[in-house]
Every structure is written in structure tokens, then in C-alpha cells.
Amino acid sequence: MTEFILVGLSDNPEMQLVLFVIFLVIYLLTLAGNILIMVTIVYDQGLHTPMYFFLSNLSFIDICHSTVTVPKMLTDFLSAKKTISFEGCMTQMFFLHLFACTEIFLLTVMAYGRYVAICNPMHYLTLMNYKICLLLAATIWISGMVHSLALICMTIKLPYCGPQKVDNFFCDVPPVIKLACTDTYIIEVLIVANSGLISMVCFVVLVVSYGVILVSLRNQFAEGRRKALSTCAAHLMVVTLFLGHCIFIYSRPSTSFSEDKVVSVFFTAVTPLLNPIIYTLRNEDMKRALNKLVGGKVNVEIK
């Protein structure tokens, strides 16, 4: 097997042109929004805190995560034959799971940061100092790398000698292993134990941590409680959108639903766009810093 054929989202030429325009706009907005967040955090000294350090990491991961699949999808919208080489398919799967798993661990670390900031504010700078933040960031990237390598090692060694059509618009482990010319039951169980279990455990940890945070907020002043709730609500929305897909897809890899492609679109293209929108619209510090950044540019242009 030297190449696979991606089924894509539609066979209708007119619909493919419409989808090309839609997803091109979404991708450009994703790049612009996440780059703007990173630039704003670097520019504003008031945002040089652990929370925004991890938020800038999230924006970087979202850019990479979207870039793994969306440019190829845009190219296929304009192509008569939607093919991808075997090596390209495996590479796409590797980076897809690298960035997805890293983001899951990052969201969990961000929840821990919120928990420390709200429930133990006196020790926040001690528990979340610069060295610890760097250590946590390195740990989540290494963990994502190990997870992705484990999946690829299981997938790449399978014999592929029959059908070539991948029932999606990008290469992912569940639809690709269905094309293998051997029994993949053990691999499917390992996928559930790996990707599905990671998603479920992290989701439970996040829900429990936010439950503890909500209970502790009862003793906060009204203004502090409102600000904390706004930040936590933004984070929880991101977590639900992202982990919802992972649980839906990887908890039952041997079964395909018609909704899989729709969920995958949100996972790869829409969620990376929603993250900067959610964090900027519901975060007063980010809105202030953005206004300051834009205002500074306007003043420079006037001078």
C-alpha cells in the first residue's frame, strides 16, 4: 500500500467550493485569533503569569492542531482525487495525536492552576512558579509524544493490502486500522485503553476540580467570585468541546456513526477557532490587554 484515498466531506463539486471558502475563512481566523492571543500575552507585562503562560501554549497547540488537517482538506476540496501517501498518512496521525493529547494534558494543568489560584491563593506563586510551569509544560509535551508514538507504532506495523478509502477527510487511527488485512481487535482495545481512557480520566479530573472550585467560591467576595466564575466557565467550555470529541470517537473505535465526520470537523477546525473567542470575550484581562495593544498601534500610526 503506497497511498490512501480520503473520502472527504462531499462529492458534489459545487458544495466542495462552498466548503472550501467556509473552511478557508475558519482557518485564517484561527491563525489570526490565536496569534493575536500569543502576541498580546508577550506584549502585556500584566499577563506574564502562569495562567496566561499556559494560555499562550494552548493557542500555539491550536494553531498546530488545525494546521495538521485543515490545509490538506482545503487542497482536497479543489482536487479531483483526494489521495495521501502512506507516509503522509502516518505523519498526519502522529502529529494529530501529539497535539490533541498535549492539549488534553494542558487543559488539565490549566484546571489545576485555576484550583490553586482560587482555593490556595496565598501559595499560588510558590506552587506555580516559573520553574514549575516550565516543568509542567515539558511534561505534557513529552507525554503527548509518548502517547502518539505508541499509537503510530501499533498502526504502522499492520498489513495494508486491500481497500484504500479512509472514511474521513484526514487520517486517524480508527478509520485507518479498518483497512488492515488482519484482525485488529487487540489494537482497538489498546486504542480504547489509551486514547479513550486518557480522555475519560482527564474529563473526570477536570469535573471534580471545578466542582471543588465552585464549592470554594461560596466564601469569595462578589466581584472576585464573578471574575473567577467567568474564567472557569471559559475554561470549562473549551474542555467540554475538546474532550467531548475524544470521548465520542476513541471510546468505541470499532464502530462508525454518521456523525463522526461532523464531530471531527468541530475537533480539528472549529474548536481551535472557538478557543480564542471564548477566552477573549469572557476574560476581562485579555480584553483590556487587547484594547491596550490595539490602542498602542493606533497611537504609533498617528504619530
C-alpha atoms as a PDB file:
ATOM      1  CA  MET A   1       0.000   0.000   0.000  1.00  0.00           C
ATOM      2  CA  THR A   2       1.580   3.272  -1.126  1.00  0.00           C
ATOM      3  CA  GLU A   3      -1.330   5.672  -0.686  1.00  0.00           C
ATOM      4  CA  PHE A   4      -4.809   6.074   0.761  1.00  0.00           C
ATOM      5  CA  ILE A   5      -7.883   7.796  -0.649  1.00  0.00           C
ATOM      6  CA  LEU A   6      -9.663  10.252   1.659  1.00  0.00           C
ATOM      7  CA  VAL A   7     -13.431  10.152   1.231  1.00  0.00           C
ATOM      8  CA  GLY A   8     -13.778  13.785   2.327  1.00  0.00           C
ATOM      9  CA  LEU A   9     -16.903  15.677   3.314  1.00  0.00           C
ATOM     10  CA  SER A  10     -18.691  15.834  -0.044  1.00  0.00           C
ATOM     11  CA  ASP A  11     -18.543  14.561  -3.620  1.00  0.00           C
ATOM     12  CA  ASN A  12     -20.521  17.479  -5.034  1.00  0.00           C
ATOM     13  CA  PRO A  13     -18.189  19.961  -6.856  1.00  0.00           C
ATOM     14  CA  GLU A  14     -20.354  22.988  -6.060  1.00  0.00           C
ATOM     15  CA  MET A  15     -20.621  22.010  -2.410  1.00  0.00           C
ATOM     16  CA  GLN A  16     -16.864  21.467  -2.246  1.00  0.00           C
ATOM     17  CA  LEU A  17     -16.278  25.043  -3.438  1.00  0.00           C
ATOM     18  CA  VAL A  18     -18.636  26.353  -0.765  1.00  0.00           C
ATOM     19  CA  LEU A  19     -16.907  24.255   1.879  1.00  0.00           C
ATOM     20  CA  PHE A  20     -13.513  25.453   0.636  1.00  0.00           C
ATOM     21  CA  VAL A  21     -14.483  29.088   1.206  1.00  0.00           C
ATOM     22  CA  ILE A  22     -16.026  28.360   4.622  1.00  0.00           C
ATOM     23  CA  PHE A  23     -13.077  26.405   5.968  1.00  0.00           C
ATOM     24  CA  LEU A  24     -10.525  28.773   4.446  1.00  0.00           C
ATOM     25  CA  VAL A  25     -12.144  31.629   6.387  1.00  0.00           C
ATOM     26  CA  ILE A  26     -12.286  29.499   9.554  1.00  0.00           C
ATOM     27  CA  TYR A  27      -8.611  28.550   9.210  1.00  0.00           C
ATOM     28  CA  LEU A  28      -7.451  32.132   8.605  1.00  0.00           C
ATOM     29  CA  LEU A  29      -9.483  33.352  11.579  1.00  0.00           C
ATOM     30  CA  THR A  30      -7.999  30.534  13.695  1.00  0.00           C
ATOM     31  CA  LEU A  31      -4.476  31.618  12.788  1.00  0.00           C
ATOM     32  CA  ALA A  32      -5.229  35.310  13.329  1.00  0.00           C
ATOM     33  CA  GLY A  33      -7.060  34.804  16.645  1.00  0.00           C
ATOM     34  CA  ASN A  34      -4.511  32.505  18.241  1.00  0.00           C
ATOM     35  CA  ILE A  35      -1.516  34.511  17.010  1.00  0.00           C
ATOM     36  CA  LEU A  36      -3.163  37.653  18.403  1.00  0.00           C
ATOM     37  CA  ILE A  37      -3.531  35.977  21.810  1.00  0.00           C
ATOM     38  CA  MET A  38       0.143  34.953  21.857  1.00  0.00           C
ATOM     39  CA  VAL A  39       1.318  38.410  20.770  1.00  0.00           C
ATOM     40  CA  THR A  40      -0.906  40.091  23.364  1.00  0.00           C
ATOM     41  CA  ILE A  41       0.411  37.897  26.177  1.00  0.00           C
ATOM     42  CA  VAL A  42       4.020  38.585  25.175  1.00  0.00           C
ATOM     43  CA  TYR A  43       3.347  42.326  24.772  1.00  0.00           C
ATOM     44  CA  ASP A  44       1.481  42.916  28.058  1.00  0.00           C
ATOM     45  CA  GLN A  45       3.612  42.534  31.190  1.00  0.00           C
ATOM     46  CA  GLY A  46       0.478  42.159  33.295  1.00  0.00           C
ATOM     47  CA  LEU A  47      -0.249  38.862  31.539  1.00  0.00           C
ATOM     48  CA  HIS A  48       3.109  37.286  32.388  1.00  0.00           C
ATOM     49  CA  THR A  49       1.504  34.891  34.849  1.00  0.00           C
ATOM     50  CA  PRO A  50       1.206  31.080  34.938  1.00  0.00           C
ATOM     51  CA  MET A  51      -2.391  31.187  33.668  1.00  0.00           C
ATOM     52  CA  TYR A  52      -1.508  33.164  30.553  1.00  0.00           C
ATOM     53  CA  PHE A  53       1.710  31.231  30.030  1.00  0.00           C
ATOM     54  CA  PHE A  54      -0.399  28.105  29.603  1.00  0.00           C
ATOM     55  CA  LEU A  55      -2.989  30.023  27.566  1.00  0.00           C
ATOM     56  CA  SER A  56      -0.276  31.017  25.079  1.00  0.00           C
ATOM     57  CA  ASN A  57       0.731  27.347  24.919  1.00  0.00           C
ATOM     58  CA  LEU A  58      -2.898  26.465  24.194  1.00  0.00           C
ATOM     59  CA  SER A  59      -3.019  28.973  21.336  1.00  0.00           C
ATOM     60  CA  PHE A  60       0.190  27.558  19.866  1.00  0.00           C
ATOM     61  CA  ILE A  61      -1.169  23.999  20.083  1.00  0.00           C
ATOM     62  CA  ASP A  62      -4.452  25.074  18.461  1.00  0.00           C
ATOM     63  CA  ILE A  63      -2.563  26.567  15.513  1.00  0.00           C
ATOM     64  CA  CYS A  64      -0.540  23.364  15.082  1.00  0.00           C
ATOM     65  CA  HIS A  65      -3.552  21.109  15.619  1.00  0.00           C
ATOM     66  CA  SER A  66      -5.598  22.908  12.975  1.00  0.00           C
ATOM     67  CA  THR A  67      -2.673  23.037  10.525  1.00  0.00           C
ATOM     68  CA  VAL A  68      -2.248  19.247  10.642  1.00  0.00           C
ATOM     69  CA  THR A  69      -5.588  18.628   8.888  1.00  0.00           C
ATOM     70  CA  VAL A  70      -7.211  21.801   7.510  1.00  0.00           C
ATOM     71  CA  PRO A  71      -4.688  22.740   4.741  1.00  0.00           C
ATOM     72  CA  LYS A  72      -4.873  19.184   3.355  1.00  0.00           C
ATOM     73  CA  MET A  73      -8.667  19.330   3.497  1.00  0.00           C
ATOM     74  CA  LEU A  74      -8.668  22.662   1.618  1.00  0.00           C
ATOM     75  CA  THR A  75      -6.407  21.198  -1.063  1.00  0.00           C
ATOM     76  CA  ASP A  76      -8.675  18.167  -1.453  1.00  0.00           C
ATOM     77  CA  PHE A  77     -11.711  20.400  -1.971  1.00  0.00           C
ATOM     78  CA  LEU A  78     -10.035  21.599  -5.191  1.00  0.00           C
ATOM     79  CA  SER A  79      -8.724  18.180  -6.260  1.00  0.00           C
ATOM     80  CA  ALA A  80     -10.472  15.511  -8.286  1.00  0.00           C
ATOM     81  CA  LYS A  81      -8.624  12.710  -6.474  1.00  0.00           C
ATOM     82  CA  LYS A  82      -8.184  13.036  -2.728  1.00  0.00           C
ATOM     83  CA  THR A  83      -5.120  10.910  -2.059  1.00  0.00           C
ATOM     84  CA  ILE A  84      -2.480  10.907   0.652  1.00  0.00           C
ATOM     85  CA  SER A  85       0.715   8.834   0.693  1.00  0.00           C
ATOM     86  CA  PHE A  86       1.161   6.092   3.275  1.00  0.00           C
ATOM     87  CA  GLU A  87       3.996   8.055   4.899  1.00  0.00           C
ATOM     88  CA  GLY A  88       1.930  11.256   4.795  1.00  0.00           C
ATOM     89  CA  CYS A  89      -0.996   9.475   6.416  1.00  0.00           C
ATOM     90  CA  MET A  90       1.132   8.132   9.258  1.00  0.00           C
ATOM     91  CA  THR A  91       2.778  11.540   9.728  1.00  0.00           C
ATOM     92  CA  GLN A  92      -0.619  13.244   9.895  1.00  0.00           C
ATOM     93  CA  MET A  93      -1.818  10.755  12.510  1.00  0.00           C
ATOM     94  CA  PHE A  94       1.325  11.211  14.567  1.00  0.00           C
ATOM     95  CA  PHE A  95       1.071  14.997  14.781  1.00  0.00           C
ATOM     96  CA  LEU A  96      -2.711  14.916  15.176  1.00  0.00           C
ATOM     97  CA  HIS A  97      -2.435  12.776  18.309  1.00  0.00           C
ATOM     98  CA  LEU A  98       0.657  14.606  19.534  1.00  0.00           C
ATOM     99  CA  PHE A  99      -1.131  17.965  19.599  1.00  0.00           C
ATOM    100  CA  ALA A 100      -4.504  16.533  20.709  1.00  0.00           C
ATOM    101  CA  CYS A 101      -3.076  14.597  23.662  1.00  0.00           C
ATOM    102  CA  THR A 102      -0.818  17.500  24.638  1.00  0.00           C
ATOM    103  CA  GLU A 103      -3.848  19.801  24.637  1.00  0.00           C
ATOM    104  CA  ILE A 104      -5.788  17.393  26.865  1.00  0.00           C
ATOM    105  CA  PHE A 105      -2.968  17.374  29.413  1.00  0.00           C
ATOM    106  CA  LEU A 106      -2.587  21.149  29.084  1.00  0.00           C
ATOM    107  CA  LEU A 107      -6.272  21.732  29.826  1.00  0.00           C
ATOM    108  CA  THR A 108      -5.884  19.531  32.907  1.00  0.00           C
ATOM    109  CA  VAL A 109      -2.853  21.520  34.084  1.00  0.00           C
ATOM    110  CA  MET A 110      -4.769  24.769  33.500  1.00  0.00           C
ATOM    111  CA  ALA A 111      -7.587  23.438  35.678  1.00  0.00           C
ATOM    112  CA  TYR A 112      -5.043  22.666  38.400  1.00  0.00           C
ATOM    113  CA  GLY A 113      -3.736  26.234  38.073  1.00  0.00           C
ATOM    114  CA  ARG A 114      -7.255  27.603  38.483  1.00  0.00           C
ATOM    115  CA  TYR A 115      -7.774  25.373  41.518  1.00  0.00           C
ATOM    116  CA  VAL A 116      -4.577  26.633  43.194  1.00  0.00           C
ATOM    117  CA  ALA A 117      -5.354  30.284  42.357  1.00  0.00           C
ATOM    118  CA  ILE A 118      -8.853  30.136  43.816  1.00  0.00           C
ATOM    119  CA  CYS A 119      -8.546  27.595  46.642  1.00  0.00           C
ATOM    120  CA  ASN A 120      -4.992  28.324  47.786  1.00  0.00           C
ATOM    121  CA  PRO A 121      -4.166  31.877  46.607  1.00  0.00           C
ATOM    122  CA  MET A 122      -1.535  32.543  49.297  1.00  0.00           C
ATOM    123  CA  HIS A 123       0.688  29.772  47.921  1.00  0.00           C
ATOM    124  CA  TYR A 124      -0.154  30.264  44.235  1.00  0.00           C
ATOM    125  CA  LEU A 125       3.173  31.835  43.214  1.00  0.00           C
ATOM    126  CA  THR A 126       5.039  29.160  45.150  1.00  0.00           C
ATOM    127  CA  LEU A 127       3.147  26.202  43.722  1.00  0.00           C
ATOM    128  CA  MET A 128       3.033  27.669  40.204  1.00  0.00           C
ATOM    129  CA  ASN A 129       6.396  29.426  39.925  1.00  0.00           C
ATOM    130  CA  TYR A 130       8.332  29.830  36.670  1.00  0.00           C
ATOM    131  CA  LYS A 131      10.367  26.624  37.015  1.00  0.00           C
ATOM    132  CA  ILE A 132       7.312  24.527  37.853  1.00  0.00           C
ATOM    133  CA  CYS A 133       5.419  25.965  34.864  1.00  0.00           C
ATOM    134  CA  LEU A 134       8.303  25.074  32.538  1.00  0.00           C
ATOM    135  CA  LEU A 135       8.494  21.592  34.069  1.00  0.00           C
ATOM    136  CA  LEU A 136       4.751  21.068  33.622  1.00  0.00           C
ATOM    137  CA  ALA A 137       4.919  22.301  30.019  1.00  0.00           C
ATOM    138  CA  ALA A 138       7.811  19.935  29.227  1.00  0.00           C
ATOM    139  CA  THR A 139       5.978  17.048  30.906  1.00  0.00           C
ATOM    140  CA  ILE A 140       2.771  17.472  28.917  1.00  0.00           C
ATOM    141  CA  TRP A 141       4.690  17.687  25.618  1.00  0.00           C
ATOM    142  CA  ILE A 142       6.708  14.564  26.428  1.00  0.00           C
ATOM    143  CA  SER A 143       3.528  12.746  27.498  1.00  0.00           C
ATOM    144  CA  GLY A 144       1.830  13.708  24.237  1.00  0.00           C
ATOM    145  CA  MET A 145       4.861  12.445  22.315  1.00  0.00           C
ATOM    146  CA  VAL A 146       4.822   9.079  24.118  1.00  0.00           C
ATOM    147  CA  HIS A 147       1.067   8.687  23.540  1.00  0.00           C
ATOM    148  CA  SER A 148       1.357   9.476  19.830  1.00  0.00           C
ATOM    149  CA  LEU A 149       4.364   7.214  19.291  1.00  0.00           C
ATOM    150  CA  ALA A 150       2.533   4.315  20.972  1.00  0.00           C
ATOM    151  CA  LEU A 151      -0.464   4.678  18.629  1.00  0.00           C
ATOM    152  CA  ILE A 152       1.655   5.029  15.495  1.00  0.00           C
ATOM    153  CA  CYS A 153       3.817   2.016  16.389  1.00  0.00           C
ATOM    154  CA  MET A 154       0.650  -0.075  16.716  1.00  0.00           C
ATOM    155  CA  THR A 155      -0.833   1.245  13.467  1.00  0.00           C
ATOM    156  CA  ILE A 156       2.150   1.353  11.130  1.00  0.00           C
ATOM    157  CA  LYS A 157       3.101  -2.323  11.609  1.00  0.00           C
ATOM    158  CA  LEU A 158      -0.307  -3.592  10.423  1.00  0.00           C
ATOM    159  CA  PRO A 159      -0.502  -5.081   6.900  1.00  0.00           C
ATOM    160  CA  TYR A 160      -2.452  -2.897   4.448  1.00  0.00           C
ATOM    161  CA  CYS A 161      -3.212  -4.712   1.211  1.00  0.00           C
ATOM    162  CA  GLY A 162      -6.884  -4.210   0.432  1.00  0.00           C
ATOM    163  CA  PRO A 163      -9.242  -1.218   0.392  1.00  0.00           C
ATOM    164  CA  GLN A 164      -7.696   2.247   0.237  1.00  0.00           C
ATOM    165  CA  LYS A 165     -10.586   4.530   1.172  1.00  0.00           C
ATOM    166  CA  VAL A 166     -10.312   6.258   4.547  1.00  0.00           C
ATOM    167  CA  ASP A 167     -13.830   7.236   5.596  1.00  0.00           C
ATOM    168  CA  ASN A 168     -12.916  10.739   6.726  1.00  0.00           C
ATOM    169  CA  PHE A 169     -11.221  13.903   5.458  1.00  0.00           C
ATOM    170  CA  PHE A 170      -7.976  13.161   7.347  1.00  0.00           C
ATOM    171  CA  CYS A 171      -6.067  10.125   8.571  1.00  0.00           C
ATOM    172  CA  ASP A 172      -6.945   8.972  12.052  1.00  0.00           C
ATOM    173  CA  VAL A 173      -6.320   5.671  13.778  1.00  0.00           C
ATOM    174  CA  PRO A 174      -9.895   4.246  13.926  1.00  0.00           C
ATOM    175  CA  PRO A 175     -10.739   4.581  10.183  1.00  0.00           C
ATOM    176  CA  VAL A 176      -7.231   3.605   9.033  1.00  0.00           C
ATOM    177  CA  ILE A 177      -6.932   0.359  11.004  1.00  0.00           C
ATOM    178  CA  LYS A 178     -10.215  -0.787   9.435  1.00  0.00           C
ATOM    179  CA  LEU A 179      -8.272  -1.076   6.173  1.00  0.00           C
ATOM    180  CA  ALA A 180      -5.765  -3.531   7.612  1.00  0.00           C
ATOM    181  CA  CYS A 181      -5.753  -7.084   6.226  1.00  0.00           C
ATOM    182  CA  THR A 182      -5.754  -8.703   9.659  1.00  0.00           C
ATOM    183  CA  ASP A 183      -7.770  -8.903  12.847  1.00  0.00           C
ATOM    184  CA  THR A 184      -7.437  -5.582  14.676  1.00  0.00           C
ATOM    185  CA  TYR A 185      -9.462  -6.385  17.799  1.00  0.00           C
ATOM    186  CA  ILE A 186      -6.439  -6.177  20.121  1.00  0.00           C
ATOM    187  CA  ILE A 187      -5.369  -2.876  18.555  1.00  0.00           C
ATOM    188  CA  GLU A 188      -8.874  -1.467  19.008  1.00  0.00           C
ATOM    189  CA  VAL A 189      -8.884  -2.471  22.672  1.00  0.00           C
ATOM    190  CA  LEU A 190      -5.498  -0.793  23.134  1.00  0.00           C
ATOM    191  CA  ILE A 191      -6.816   2.375  21.462  1.00  0.00           C
ATOM    192  CA  VAL A 192      -9.745   2.487  23.898  1.00  0.00           C
ATOM    193  CA  ALA A 193      -7.340   1.841  26.774  1.00  0.00           C
ATOM    194  CA  ASN A 194      -5.004   4.581  25.521  1.00  0.00           C
ATOM    195  CA  SER A 195      -6.902   7.459  23.912  1.00  0.00           C
ATOM    196  CA  GLY A 196     -10.340   6.726  25.359  1.00  0.00           C
ATOM    197  CA  LEU A 197      -9.084   6.185  28.906  1.00  0.00           C
ATOM    198  CA  ILE A 198      -6.893   9.302  28.845  1.00  0.00           C
ATOM    199  CA  SER A 199      -9.879  11.383  27.718  1.00  0.00           C
ATOM    200  CA  MET A 200     -12.231   9.911  30.312  1.00  0.00           C
ATOM    201  CA  VAL A 201      -9.784  10.197  33.230  1.00  0.00           C
ATOM    202  CA  CYS A 202      -8.838  13.786  32.377  1.00  0.00           C
ATOM    203  CA  PHE A 203     -12.506  14.715  31.974  1.00  0.00           C
ATOM    204  CA  VAL A 204     -13.380  13.258  35.394  1.00  0.00           C
ATOM    205  CA  VAL A 205     -10.399  15.027  36.993  1.00  0.00           C
ATOM    206  CA  LEU A 206     -11.476  18.310  35.410  1.00  0.00           C
ATOM    207  CA  VAL A 207     -15.100  17.969  36.503  1.00  0.00           C
ATOM    208  CA  VAL A 208     -14.045  17.147  40.078  1.00  0.00           C
ATOM    209  CA  SER A 209     -11.592  20.050  40.207  1.00  0.00           C
ATOM    210  CA  TYR A 210     -14.228  22.507  39.002  1.00  0.00           C
ATOM    211  CA  GLY A 211     -16.686  21.084  41.499  1.00  0.00           C
ATOM    212  CA  VAL A 212     -14.201  21.831  44.289  1.00  0.00           C
ATOM    213  CA  ILE A 213     -13.632  25.311  42.851  1.00  0.00           C
ATOM    214  CA  LEU A 214     -17.366  26.067  42.749  1.00  0.00           C
ATOM    215  CA  VAL A 215     -17.767  24.984  46.376  1.00  0.00           C
ATOM    216  CA  SER A 216     -14.828  27.159  47.473  1.00  0.00           C
ATOM    217  CA  LEU A 217     -16.240  30.197  45.644  1.00  0.00           C
ATOM    218  CA  ARG A 218     -19.108  30.430  48.102  1.00  0.00           C
ATOM    219  CA  ASN A 219     -16.802  32.205  50.547  1.00  0.00           C
ATOM    220  CA  GLN A 220     -15.430  34.678  47.991  1.00  0.00           C
ATOM    221  CA  PHE A 221     -16.471  38.315  47.654  1.00  0.00           C
ATOM    222  CA  ALA A 222     -18.989  39.046  44.907  1.00  0.00           C
ATOM    223  CA  GLU A 223     -16.502  40.695  42.497  1.00  0.00           C
ATOM    224  CA  GLY A 224     -13.834  38.045  42.976  1.00  0.00           C
ATOM    225  CA  ARG A 225     -16.436  35.303  42.624  1.00  0.00           C
ATOM    226  CA  ARG A 226     -17.759  36.807  39.376  1.00  0.00           C
ATOM    227  CA  LYS A 227     -14.283  37.060  37.841  1.00  0.00           C
ATOM    228  CA  ALA A 228     -13.327  33.536  38.903  1.00  0.00           C
ATOM    229  CA  LEU A 229     -16.571  32.089  37.595  1.00  0.00           C
ATOM    230  CA  SER A 230     -16.089  33.852  34.250  1.00  0.00           C
ATOM    231  CA  THR A 231     -12.581  32.428  33.838  1.00  0.00           C
ATOM    232  CA  CYS A 232     -13.621  28.938  34.907  1.00  0.00           C
ATOM    233  CA  ALA A 233     -16.674  28.991  32.649  1.00  0.00           C
ATOM    234  CA  ALA A 234     -14.472  29.811  29.650  1.00  0.00           C
ATOM    235  CA  HIS A 235     -12.093  27.006  30.513  1.00  0.00           C
ATOM    236  CA  LEU A 236     -14.934  24.532  31.066  1.00  0.00           C
ATOM    237  CA  MET A 237     -16.455  25.369  27.666  1.00  0.00           C
ATOM    238  CA  VAL A 238     -13.139  24.621  25.955  1.00  0.00           C
ATOM    239  CA  VAL A 239     -12.758  21.373  27.897  1.00  0.00           C
ATOM    240  CA  THR A 240     -16.280  20.194  27.015  1.00  0.00           C
ATOM    241  CA  LEU A 241     -15.862  20.928  23.300  1.00  0.00           C
ATOM    242  CA  PHE A 242     -12.476  19.271  23.037  1.00  0.00           C
ATOM    243  CA  LEU A 243     -12.796  16.263  25.325  1.00  0.00           C
ATOM    244  CA  GLY A 244     -16.341  15.587  24.128  1.00  0.00           C
ATOM    245  CA  HIS A 245     -14.955  14.672  20.701  1.00  0.00           C
ATOM    246  CA  CYS A 246     -12.179  12.487  22.117  1.00  0.00           C
ATOM    247  CA  ILE A 247     -14.601  10.512  24.284  1.00  0.00           C
ATOM    248  CA  PHE A 248     -17.104  10.176  21.407  1.00  0.00           C
ATOM    249  CA  ILE A 249     -14.532   8.907  18.867  1.00  0.00           C
ATOM    250  CA  TYR A 250     -11.960   6.938  20.846  1.00  0.00           C
ATOM    251  CA  SER A 251     -14.167   5.169  23.363  1.00  0.00           C
ATOM    252  CA  ARG A 252     -15.567   2.914  20.607  1.00  0.00           C
ATOM    253  CA  PRO A 253     -13.098   2.866  17.670  1.00  0.00           C
ATOM    254  CA  SER A 254     -14.574  -0.256  16.045  1.00  0.00           C
ATOM    255  CA  THR A 255     -17.953   1.413  15.463  1.00  0.00           C
ATOM    256  CA  SER A 256     -18.658   4.164  12.918  1.00  0.00           C
ATOM    257  CA  PHE A 257     -21.507   6.648  13.126  1.00  0.00           C
ATOM    258  CA  SER A 258     -22.703   9.110  10.505  1.00  0.00           C
ATOM    259  CA  GLU A 259     -21.994  11.899  12.987  1.00  0.00           C
ATOM    260  CA  ASP A 260     -18.267  11.070  13.138  1.00  0.00           C
ATOM    261  CA  LYS A 261     -17.302  13.486  10.362  1.00  0.00           C
ATOM    262  CA  VAL A 262     -19.330  16.330  11.862  1.00  0.00           C
ATOM    263  CA  VAL A 263     -17.704  15.774  15.248  1.00  0.00           C
ATOM    264  CA  SER A 264     -14.277  15.581  13.579  1.00  0.00           C
ATOM    265  CA  VAL A 265     -14.874  18.923  11.847  1.00  0.00           C
ATOM    266  CA  PHE A 266     -15.531  20.575  15.193  1.00  0.00           C
ATOM    267  CA  PHE A 267     -12.499  18.825  16.687  1.00  0.00           C
ATOM    268  CA  THR A 268      -9.984  19.816  14.001  1.00  0.00           C
ATOM    269  CA  ALA A 269     -11.313  23.086  12.555  1.00  0.00           C
ATOM    270  CA  VAL A 270     -13.948  24.761  14.724  1.00  0.00           C
ATOM    271  CA  THR A 271     -12.671  24.238  18.288  1.00  0.00           C
ATOM    272  CA  PRO A 272      -9.254  25.874  17.595  1.00  0.00           C
ATOM    273  CA  LEU A 273     -11.201  28.923  16.396  1.00  0.00           C
ATOM    274  CA  LEU A 274     -13.574  28.975  19.367  1.00  0.00           C
ATOM    275  CA  ASN A 275     -10.777  28.883  21.943  1.00  0.00           C
ATOM    276  CA  PRO A 276      -9.511  32.464  21.306  1.00  0.00           C
ATOM    277  CA  ILE A 277     -13.104  33.725  21.042  1.00  0.00           C
ATOM    278  CA  ILE A 278     -14.121  32.113  24.344  1.00  0.00           C
ATOM    279  CA  TYR A 279     -11.027  33.261  26.213  1.00  0.00           C
ATOM    280  CA  THR A 280     -11.120  36.847  24.945  1.00  0.00           C
ATOM    281  CA  LEU A 281     -14.856  37.519  25.207  1.00  0.00           C
ATOM    282  CA  ARG A 282     -15.126  36.077  28.734  1.00  0.00           C
ATOM    283  CA  ASN A 283     -11.814  37.354  30.102  1.00  0.00           C
ATOM    284  CA  GLU A 284     -11.588  40.951  31.284  1.00  0.00           C
ATOM    285  CA  ASP A 285      -7.773  40.929  31.491  1.00  0.00           C
ATOM    286  CA  MET A 286      -7.448  39.736  27.890  1.00  0.00           C
ATOM    287  CA  LYS A 287      -9.933  42.353  26.641  1.00  0.00           C
ATOM    288  CA  ARG A 288      -8.034  45.075  28.490  1.00  0.00           C
ATOM    289  CA  ALA A 289      -4.700  43.892  27.076  1.00  0.00           C
ATOM    290  CA  LEU A 290      -6.124  43.663  23.540  1.00  0.00           C
ATOM    291  CA  ASN A 291      -7.507  47.196  23.782  1.00  0.00           C
ATOM    292  CA  LYS A 292      -4.137  48.373  25.042  1.00  0.00           C
ATOM    293  CA  LEU A 293      -2.314  46.617  22.200  1.00  0.00           C
ATOM    294  CA  VAL A 294      -4.637  47.987  19.511  1.00  0.00           C
ATOM    295  CA  GLY A 295      -4.600  51.428  21.113  1.00  0.00           C
ATOM    296  CA  GLY A 296      -0.807  51.428  21.148  1.00  0.00           C
ATOM    297  CA  LYS A 297      -0.662  50.635  17.445  1.00  0.00           C
ATOM    298  CA  VAL A 298      -3.158  53.357  16.684  1.00  0.00           C
ATOM    299  CA  ASN A 299      -1.106  55.905  18.624  1.00  0.00           C
ATOM    300  CA  VAL A 300       2.056  54.904  16.783  1.00  0.00           C
ATOM    301  CA  GLU A 301       0.312  55.305  13.429  1.00  0.00           C
ATOM    302  CA  ILE A 302      -0.996  58.778  14.404  1.00  0.00           C
ATOM    303  CA  LYS A 303       2.486  59.921  15.453  1.00  0.00           C
END
